[in-house]
Amino acid sequence: MVVREQSTDRHGRPLTPGTRVRVVAEQGQPEGSVVRVLSEYGAVTVLLEKPAKAERMYPINEIEAL
C-alpha cells in the first residue's frame, strides 16, 4: 500500500473530497466543493454551483479551504 502525502491549501488546511473551498485566483472568488484531489499534478477539481453547475480543475495554490 502506497501512502501519499496529504494535500493542503496555502494555509495548511487539508484538501479532501467534499471540502468546501474558495477559488482565490478568480474574480469574485467563487465557492464550491472539492471533487478530486490530484496530488501528483498539484491540482484539484472543484464543483462550482453558481451561476451554473460546472466542474473545473485548479492548481492547489489557487484554492483556499473554508
PDB file of N, CA and C in Angstrom:
ATOM      1  N   MET A   1       0.841  -1.184   0.000  1.00  0.00           N
ATOM      2  CA  MET A   1       0.000   0.000   0.000  1.00  0.00           C
ATOM      3  C   MET A   1       0.882   1.242   0.000  1.00  0.00           C
ATOM      4  N   VAL A   2       0.580   2.164  -0.881  1.00  0.00           N
ATOM      5  CA  VAL A   2       1.348   3.395  -1.002  1.00  0.00           C
ATOM      6  C   VAL A   2       0.667   4.479  -0.183  1.00  0.00           C
ATOM      7  N   VAL A   3       1.445   5.142   0.664  1.00  0.00           N
ATOM      8  CA  VAL A   3       0.907   6.244   1.461  1.00  0.00           C
ATOM      9  C   VAL A   3       1.294   7.538   0.763  1.00  0.00           C
ATOM     10  N   ARG A   4       0.291   8.337   0.405  1.00  0.00           N
ATOM     11  CA  ARG A   4       0.555   9.602  -0.286  1.00  0.00           C
ATOM     12  C   ARG A   4       0.534  10.756   0.691  1.00  0.00           C
ATOM     13  N   GLU A   5       1.302  11.751   0.364  1.00  0.00           N
ATOM     14  CA  GLU A   5       1.315  12.977   1.162  1.00  0.00           C
ATOM     15  C   GLU A   5      -0.050  13.648   1.031  1.00  0.00           C
ATOM     16  N   GLN A   6      -0.576  14.121   2.141  1.00  0.00           N
ATOM     17  CA  GLN A   6      -1.890  14.766   2.131  1.00  0.00           C
ATOM     18  C   GLN A   6      -1.777  16.153   1.500  1.00  0.00           C
ATOM     19  N   SER A   7      -2.721  16.492   0.649  1.00  0.00           N
ATOM     20  CA  SER A   7      -2.732  17.807   0.009  1.00  0.00           C
ATOM     21  C   SER A   7      -3.340  18.830   0.952  1.00  0.00           C
ATOM     22  N   THR A   8      -2.735  20.014   0.969  1.00  0.00           N
ATOM     23  CA  THR A   8      -3.223  21.089   1.826  1.00  0.00           C
ATOM     24  C   THR A   8      -3.277  22.385   1.022  1.00  0.00           C
ATOM     25  N   ASP A   9      -4.122  23.324   1.482  1.00  0.00           N
ATOM     26  CA  ASP A   9      -4.170  24.634   0.838  1.00  0.00           C
ATOM     27  C   ASP A   9      -2.978  25.454   1.313  1.00  0.00           C
ATOM     28  N   ARG A  10      -2.899  26.699   0.899  1.00  0.00           N
ATOM     29  CA  ARG A  10      -1.726  27.515   1.244  1.00  0.00           C
ATOM     30  C   ARG A  10      -1.651  27.898   2.715  1.00  0.00           C
ATOM     31  N   HIS A  11      -2.715  27.629   3.479  1.00  0.00           N
ATOM     32  CA  HIS A  11      -2.718  27.886   4.918  1.00  0.00           C
ATOM     33  C   HIS A  11      -2.534  26.601   5.722  1.00  0.00           C
ATOM     34  N   GLY A  12      -2.281  25.484   5.027  1.00  0.00           N
ATOM     35  CA  GLY A  12      -2.036  24.218   5.701  1.00  0.00           C
ATOM     36  C   GLY A  12      -3.280  23.412   6.036  1.00  0.00           C
ATOM     37  N   ARG A  13      -4.455  23.870   5.598  1.00  0.00           N
ATOM     38  CA  ARG A  13      -5.694  23.121   5.863  1.00  0.00           C
ATOM     39  C   ARG A  13      -5.838  22.006   4.835  1.00  0.00           C
ATOM     40  N   PRO A  14      -6.288  20.816   5.269  1.00  0.00           N
ATOM     41  CA  PRO A  14      -6.371  19.671   4.353  1.00  0.00           C
ATOM     42  C   PRO A  14      -7.416  19.857   3.254  1.00  0.00           C
ATOM     43  N   LEU A  15      -7.076  19.360   2.066  1.00  0.00           N
ATOM     44  CA  LEU A  15      -8.000  19.356   0.933  1.00  0.00           C
ATOM     45  C   LEU A  15      -8.369  17.908   0.646  1.00  0.00           C
ATOM     46  N   THR A  16      -9.611  17.558   0.894  1.00  0.00           N
ATOM     47  CA  THR A  16     -10.111  16.211   0.646  1.00  0.00           C
ATOM     48  C   THR A  16     -11.435  16.331  -0.099  1.00  0.00           C
ATOM     49  N   PRO A  17     -11.867  15.280  -0.786  1.00  0.00           N
ATOM     50  CA  PRO A  17     -13.162  15.346  -1.466  1.00  0.00           C
ATOM     51  C   PRO A  17     -14.275  15.739  -0.491  1.00  0.00           C
ATOM     52  N   GLY A  18     -15.094  16.694  -0.924  1.00  0.00           N
ATOM     53  CA  GLY A  18     -16.190  17.182  -0.094  1.00  0.00           C
ATOM     54  C   GLY A  18     -15.879  18.456   0.664  1.00  0.00           C
ATOM     55  N   THR A  19     -14.603  18.835   0.753  1.00  0.00           N
ATOM     56  CA  THR A  19     -14.209  20.057   1.457  1.00  0.00           C
ATOM     57  C   THR A  19     -14.739  21.284   0.716  1.00  0.00           C
ATOM     58  N   ARG A  20     -15.347  22.214   1.438  1.00  0.00           N
ATOM     59  CA  ARG A  20     -15.805  23.474   0.844  1.00  0.00           C
ATOM     60  C   ARG A  20     -14.587  24.371   0.648  1.00  0.00           C
ATOM     61  N   VAL A  21     -14.471  24.959  -0.535  1.00  0.00           N
ATOM     62  CA  VAL A  21     -13.311  25.781  -0.872  1.00  0.00           C
ATOM     63  C   VAL A  21     -13.737  27.059  -1.584  1.00  0.00           C
ATOM     64  N   ARG A  22     -12.797  27.999  -1.614  1.00  0.00           N
ATOM     65  CA  ARG A  22     -12.955  29.258  -2.358  1.00  0.00           C
ATOM     66  C   ARG A  22     -11.819  29.304  -3.372  1.00  0.00           C
ATOM     67  N   VAL A  23     -12.129  29.723  -4.597  1.00  0.00           N
ATOM     68  CA  VAL A  23     -11.113  29.864  -5.641  1.00  0.00           C
ATOM     69  C   VAL A  23     -10.615  31.303  -5.581  1.00  0.00           C
ATOM     70  N   VAL A  24      -9.459  31.513  -4.962  1.00  0.00           N
ATOM     71  CA  VAL A  24      -8.966  32.874  -4.737  1.00  0.00           C
ATOM     72  C   VAL A  24      -8.360  33.498  -5.987  1.00  0.00           C
ATOM     73  N   ALA A  25      -8.039  32.706  -6.998  1.00  0.00           N
ATOM     74  CA  ALA A  25      -7.410  33.236  -8.204  1.00  0.00           C
ATOM     75  C   ALA A  25      -8.415  33.773  -9.217  1.00  0.00           C
ATOM     76  N   GLU A  26      -9.708  33.531  -9.008  1.00  0.00           N
ATOM     77  CA  GLU A  26     -10.725  34.001  -9.952  1.00  0.00           C
ATOM     78  C   GLU A  26     -11.450  35.221  -9.416  1.00  0.00           C
ATOM     79  N   GLN A  27     -11.872  36.074 -10.329  1.00  0.00           N
ATOM     80  CA  GLN A  27     -12.638  37.258  -9.952  1.00  0.00           C
ATOM     81  C   GLN A  27     -13.942  36.825  -9.296  1.00  0.00           C
ATOM     82  N   GLY A  28     -14.279  37.447  -8.191  1.00  0.00           N
ATOM     83  CA  GLY A  28     -15.487  37.091  -7.463  1.00  0.00           C
ATOM     84  C   GLY A  28     -15.283  35.958  -6.478  1.00  0.00           C
ATOM     85  N   GLN A  29     -14.137  35.310  -6.521  1.00  0.00           N
ATOM     86  CA  GLN A  29     -13.775  34.205  -5.631  1.00  0.00           C
ATOM     87  C   GLN A  29     -14.934  33.221  -5.431  1.00  0.00           C
ATOM     88  N   PRO A  30     -15.299  32.481  -6.496  1.00  0.00           N
ATOM     89  CA  PRO A  30     -16.411  31.532  -6.377  1.00  0.00           C
ATOM     90  C   PRO A  30     -16.116  30.433  -5.361  1.00  0.00           C
ATOM     91  N   GLU A  31     -17.176  29.894  -4.761  1.00  0.00           N
ATOM     92  CA  GLU A  31     -17.043  28.815  -3.787  1.00  0.00           C
ATOM     93  C   GLU A  31     -17.632  27.543  -4.358  1.00  0.00           C
ATOM     94  N   GLY A  32     -17.095  26.420  -3.917  1.00  0.00           N
ATOM     95  CA  GLY A  32     -17.581  25.123  -4.360  1.00  0.00           C
ATOM     96  C   GLY A  32     -17.062  24.042  -3.440  1.00  0.00           C
ATOM     97  N   SER A  33     -17.110  22.806  -3.899  1.00  0.00           N
ATOM     98  CA  SER A  33     -16.604  21.699  -3.094  1.00  0.00           C
ATOM     99  C   SER A  33     -15.642  20.860  -3.925  1.00  0.00           C
ATOM    100  N   VAL A  34     -14.628  20.320  -3.258  1.00  0.00           N
ATOM    101  CA  VAL A  34     -13.609  19.501  -3.910  1.00  0.00           C
ATOM    102  C   VAL A  34     -14.239  18.179  -4.347  1.00  0.00           C
ATOM    103  N   VAL A  35     -13.977  17.789  -5.594  1.00  0.00           N
ATOM    104  CA  VAL A  35     -14.453  16.509  -6.109  1.00  0.00           C
ATOM    105  C   VAL A  35     -13.307  15.501  -6.106  1.00  0.00           C
ATOM    106  N   ARG A  36     -12.161  15.888  -6.680  1.00  0.00           N
ATOM    107  CA  ARG A  36     -10.985  15.021  -6.735  1.00  0.00           C
ATOM    108  C   ARG A  36      -9.743  15.810  -6.353  1.00  0.00           C
ATOM    109  N   VAL A  37      -8.823  15.132  -5.689  1.00  0.00           N
ATOM    110  CA  VAL A  37      -7.527  15.717  -5.364  1.00  0.00           C
ATOM    111  C   VAL A  37      -6.493  14.988  -6.210  1.00  0.00           C
ATOM    112  N   LEU A  38      -5.802  15.721  -7.066  1.00  0.00           N
ATOM    113  CA  LEU A  38      -4.791  15.150  -7.952  1.00  0.00           C
ATOM    114  C   LEU A  38      -3.418  15.616  -7.474  1.00  0.00           C
ATOM    115  N   SER A  39      -2.970  15.047  -6.359  1.00  0.00           N
ATOM    116  CA  SER A  39      -1.725  15.483  -5.715  1.00  0.00           C
ATOM    117  C   SER A  39      -0.525  15.402  -6.646  1.00  0.00           C
ATOM    118  N   GLU A  40      -0.461  14.338  -7.443  1.00  0.00           N
ATOM    119  CA  GLU A  40       0.697  14.165  -8.323  1.00  0.00           C
ATOM    120  C   GLU A  40       0.795  15.257  -9.384  1.00  0.00           C
ATOM    121  N   TYR A  41      -0.309  15.959  -9.652  1.00  0.00           N
ATOM    122  CA  TYR A  41      -0.313  17.066 -10.608  1.00  0.00           C
ATOM    123  C   TYR A  41      -0.422  18.424  -9.922  1.00  0.00           C
ATOM    124  N   GLY A  42      -0.569  18.426  -8.610  1.00  0.00           N
ATOM    125  CA  GLY A  42      -0.700  19.679  -7.869  1.00  0.00           C
ATOM    126  C   GLY A  42      -1.997  20.397  -8.174  1.00  0.00           C
ATOM    127  N   ALA A  43      -3.074  19.620  -8.381  1.00  0.00           N
ATOM    128  CA  ALA A  43      -4.353  20.220  -8.764  1.00  0.00           C
ATOM    129  C   ALA A  43      -5.517  19.536  -8.051  1.00  0.00           C
ATOM    130  N   VAL A  44      -6.653  20.221  -8.047  1.00  0.00           N
ATOM    131  CA  VAL A  44      -7.904  19.652  -7.538  1.00  0.00           C
ATOM    132  C   VAL A  44      -9.004  19.983  -8.542  1.00  0.00           C
ATOM    133  N   THR A  45     -10.042  19.153  -8.571  1.00  0.00           N
ATOM    134  CA  THR A  45     -11.226  19.513  -9.343  1.00  0.00           C
ATOM    135  C   THR A  45     -12.269  19.988  -8.351  1.00  0.00           C
ATOM    136  N   VAL A  46     -12.930  21.081  -8.704  1.00  0.00           N
ATOM    137  CA  VAL A  46     -13.895  21.729  -7.816  1.00  0.00           C
ATOM    138  C   VAL A  46     -15.243  21.807  -8.529  1.00  0.00           C
ATOM    139  N   LEU A  47     -16.307  21.435  -7.821  1.00  0.00           N
ATOM    140  CA  LEU A  47     -17.662  21.565  -8.342  1.00  0.00           C
ATOM    141  C   LEU A  47     -18.192  22.925  -7.919  1.00  0.00           C
ATOM    142  N   LEU A  48     -18.348  23.813  -8.907  1.00  0.00           N
ATOM    143  CA  LEU A  48     -18.907  25.144  -8.666  1.00  0.00           C
ATOM    144  C   LEU A  48     -20.400  25.064  -8.950  1.00  0.00           C
ATOM    145  N   GLU A  49     -21.217  25.673  -8.101  1.00  0.00           N
ATOM    146  CA  GLU A  49     -22.662  25.553  -8.248  1.00  0.00           C
ATOM    147  C   GLU A  49     -23.337  26.810  -8.774  1.00  0.00           C
ATOM    148  N   LYS A  50     -22.640  27.945  -8.762  1.00  0.00           N
ATOM    149  CA  LYS A  50     -23.250  29.189  -9.235  1.00  0.00           C
ATOM    150  C   LYS A  50     -22.332  29.829 -10.259  1.00  0.00           C
ATOM    151  N   PRO A  51     -22.813  30.388 -11.320  1.00  0.00           N
ATOM    152  CA  PRO A  51     -24.206  30.542 -11.723  1.00  0.00           C
ATOM    153  C   PRO A  51     -24.812  29.247 -12.262  1.00  0.00           C
ATOM    154  N   ALA A  52     -23.987  28.321 -12.758  1.00  0.00           N
ATOM    155  CA  ALA A  52     -24.474  27.012 -13.215  1.00  0.00           C
ATOM    156  C   ALA A  52     -23.487  25.962 -12.722  1.00  0.00           C
ATOM    157  N   LYS A  53     -23.946  24.731 -12.543  1.00  0.00           N
ATOM    158  CA  LYS A  53     -23.052  23.678 -12.064  1.00  0.00           C
ATOM    159  C   LYS A  53     -21.968  23.403 -13.098  1.00  0.00           C
ATOM    160  N   ALA A  54     -20.724  23.415 -12.640  1.00  0.00           N
ATOM    161  CA  ALA A  54     -19.589  23.132 -13.510  1.00  0.00           C
ATOM    162  C   ALA A  54     -18.464  22.560 -12.662  1.00  0.00           C
ATOM    163  N   GLU A  55     -17.764  21.582 -13.205  1.00  0.00           N
ATOM    164  CA  GLU A  55     -16.607  21.014 -12.514  1.00  0.00           C
ATOM    165  C   GLU A  55     -15.362  21.511 -13.237  1.00  0.00           C
ATOM    166  N   ARG A  56     -14.472  22.168 -12.492  1.00  0.00           N
ATOM    167  CA  ARG A  56     -13.262  22.741 -13.081  1.00  0.00           C
ATOM    168  C   ARG A  56     -12.033  22.309 -12.307  1.00  0.00           C
ATOM    169  N   MET A  57     -10.902  22.296 -12.995  1.00  0.00           N
ATOM    170  CA  MET A  57      -9.639  21.926 -12.368  1.00  0.00           C
ATOM    171  C   MET A  57      -8.846  23.198 -12.062  1.00  0.00           C
ATOM    172  N   TYR A  58      -8.279  23.253 -10.845  1.00  0.00           N
ATOM    173  CA  TYR A  58      -7.479  24.398 -10.415  1.00  0.00           C
ATOM    174  C   TYR A  58      -6.197  23.915  -9.759  1.00  0.00           C
ATOM    175  N   PRO A  59      -5.107  24.689  -9.892  1.00  0.00           N
ATOM    176  CA  PRO A  59      -3.900  24.382  -9.127  1.00  0.00           C
ATOM    177  C   PRO A  59      -4.196  24.523  -7.632  1.00  0.00           C
ATOM    178  N   ILE A  60      -3.571  23.689  -6.824  1.00  0.00           N
ATOM    179  CA  ILE A  60      -3.821  23.705  -5.379  1.00  0.00           C
ATOM    180  C   ILE A  60      -3.518  25.070  -4.769  1.00  0.00           C
ATOM    181  N   ASN A  61      -2.513  25.788  -5.295  1.00  0.00           N
ATOM    182  CA  ASN A  61      -2.154  27.084  -4.702  1.00  0.00           C
ATOM    183  C   ASN A  61      -3.180  28.182  -4.992  1.00  0.00           C
ATOM    184  N   GLU A  62      -4.206  27.895  -5.814  1.00  0.00           N
ATOM    185  CA  GLU A  62      -5.266  28.871  -6.091  1.00  0.00           C
ATOM    186  C   GLU A  62      -6.537  28.583  -5.294  1.00  0.00           C
ATOM    187  N   ILE A  63      -6.479  27.588  -4.399  1.00  0.00           N
ATOM    188  CA  ILE A  63      -7.642  27.137  -3.634  1.00  0.00           C
ATOM    189  C   ILE A  63      -7.423  27.420  -2.154  1.00  0.00           C
ATOM    190  N   GLU A  64      -8.496  27.827  -1.477  1.00  0.00           N
ATOM    191  CA  GLU A  64      -8.442  28.079  -0.031  1.00  0.00           C
ATOM    192  C   GLU A  64      -9.625  27.369   0.623  1.00  0.00           C
ATOM    193  N   ALA A  65      -9.335  26.490   1.593  1.00  0.00           N
ATOM    194  CA  ALA A  65     -10.406  25.775   2.302  1.00  0.00           C
ATOM    195  C   ALA A  65     -11.174  26.747   3.184  1.00  0.00           C
ATOM    196  N   LEU A  66     -12.480  26.521   3.284  1.00  0.00           N
ATOM    197  CA  LEU A  66     -13.321  27.380   4.127  1.00  0.00           C
ATOM    198  C   LEU A  66     -13.517  26.761   5.492  1.00  0.00           C
TER     199      LEU A  66
END
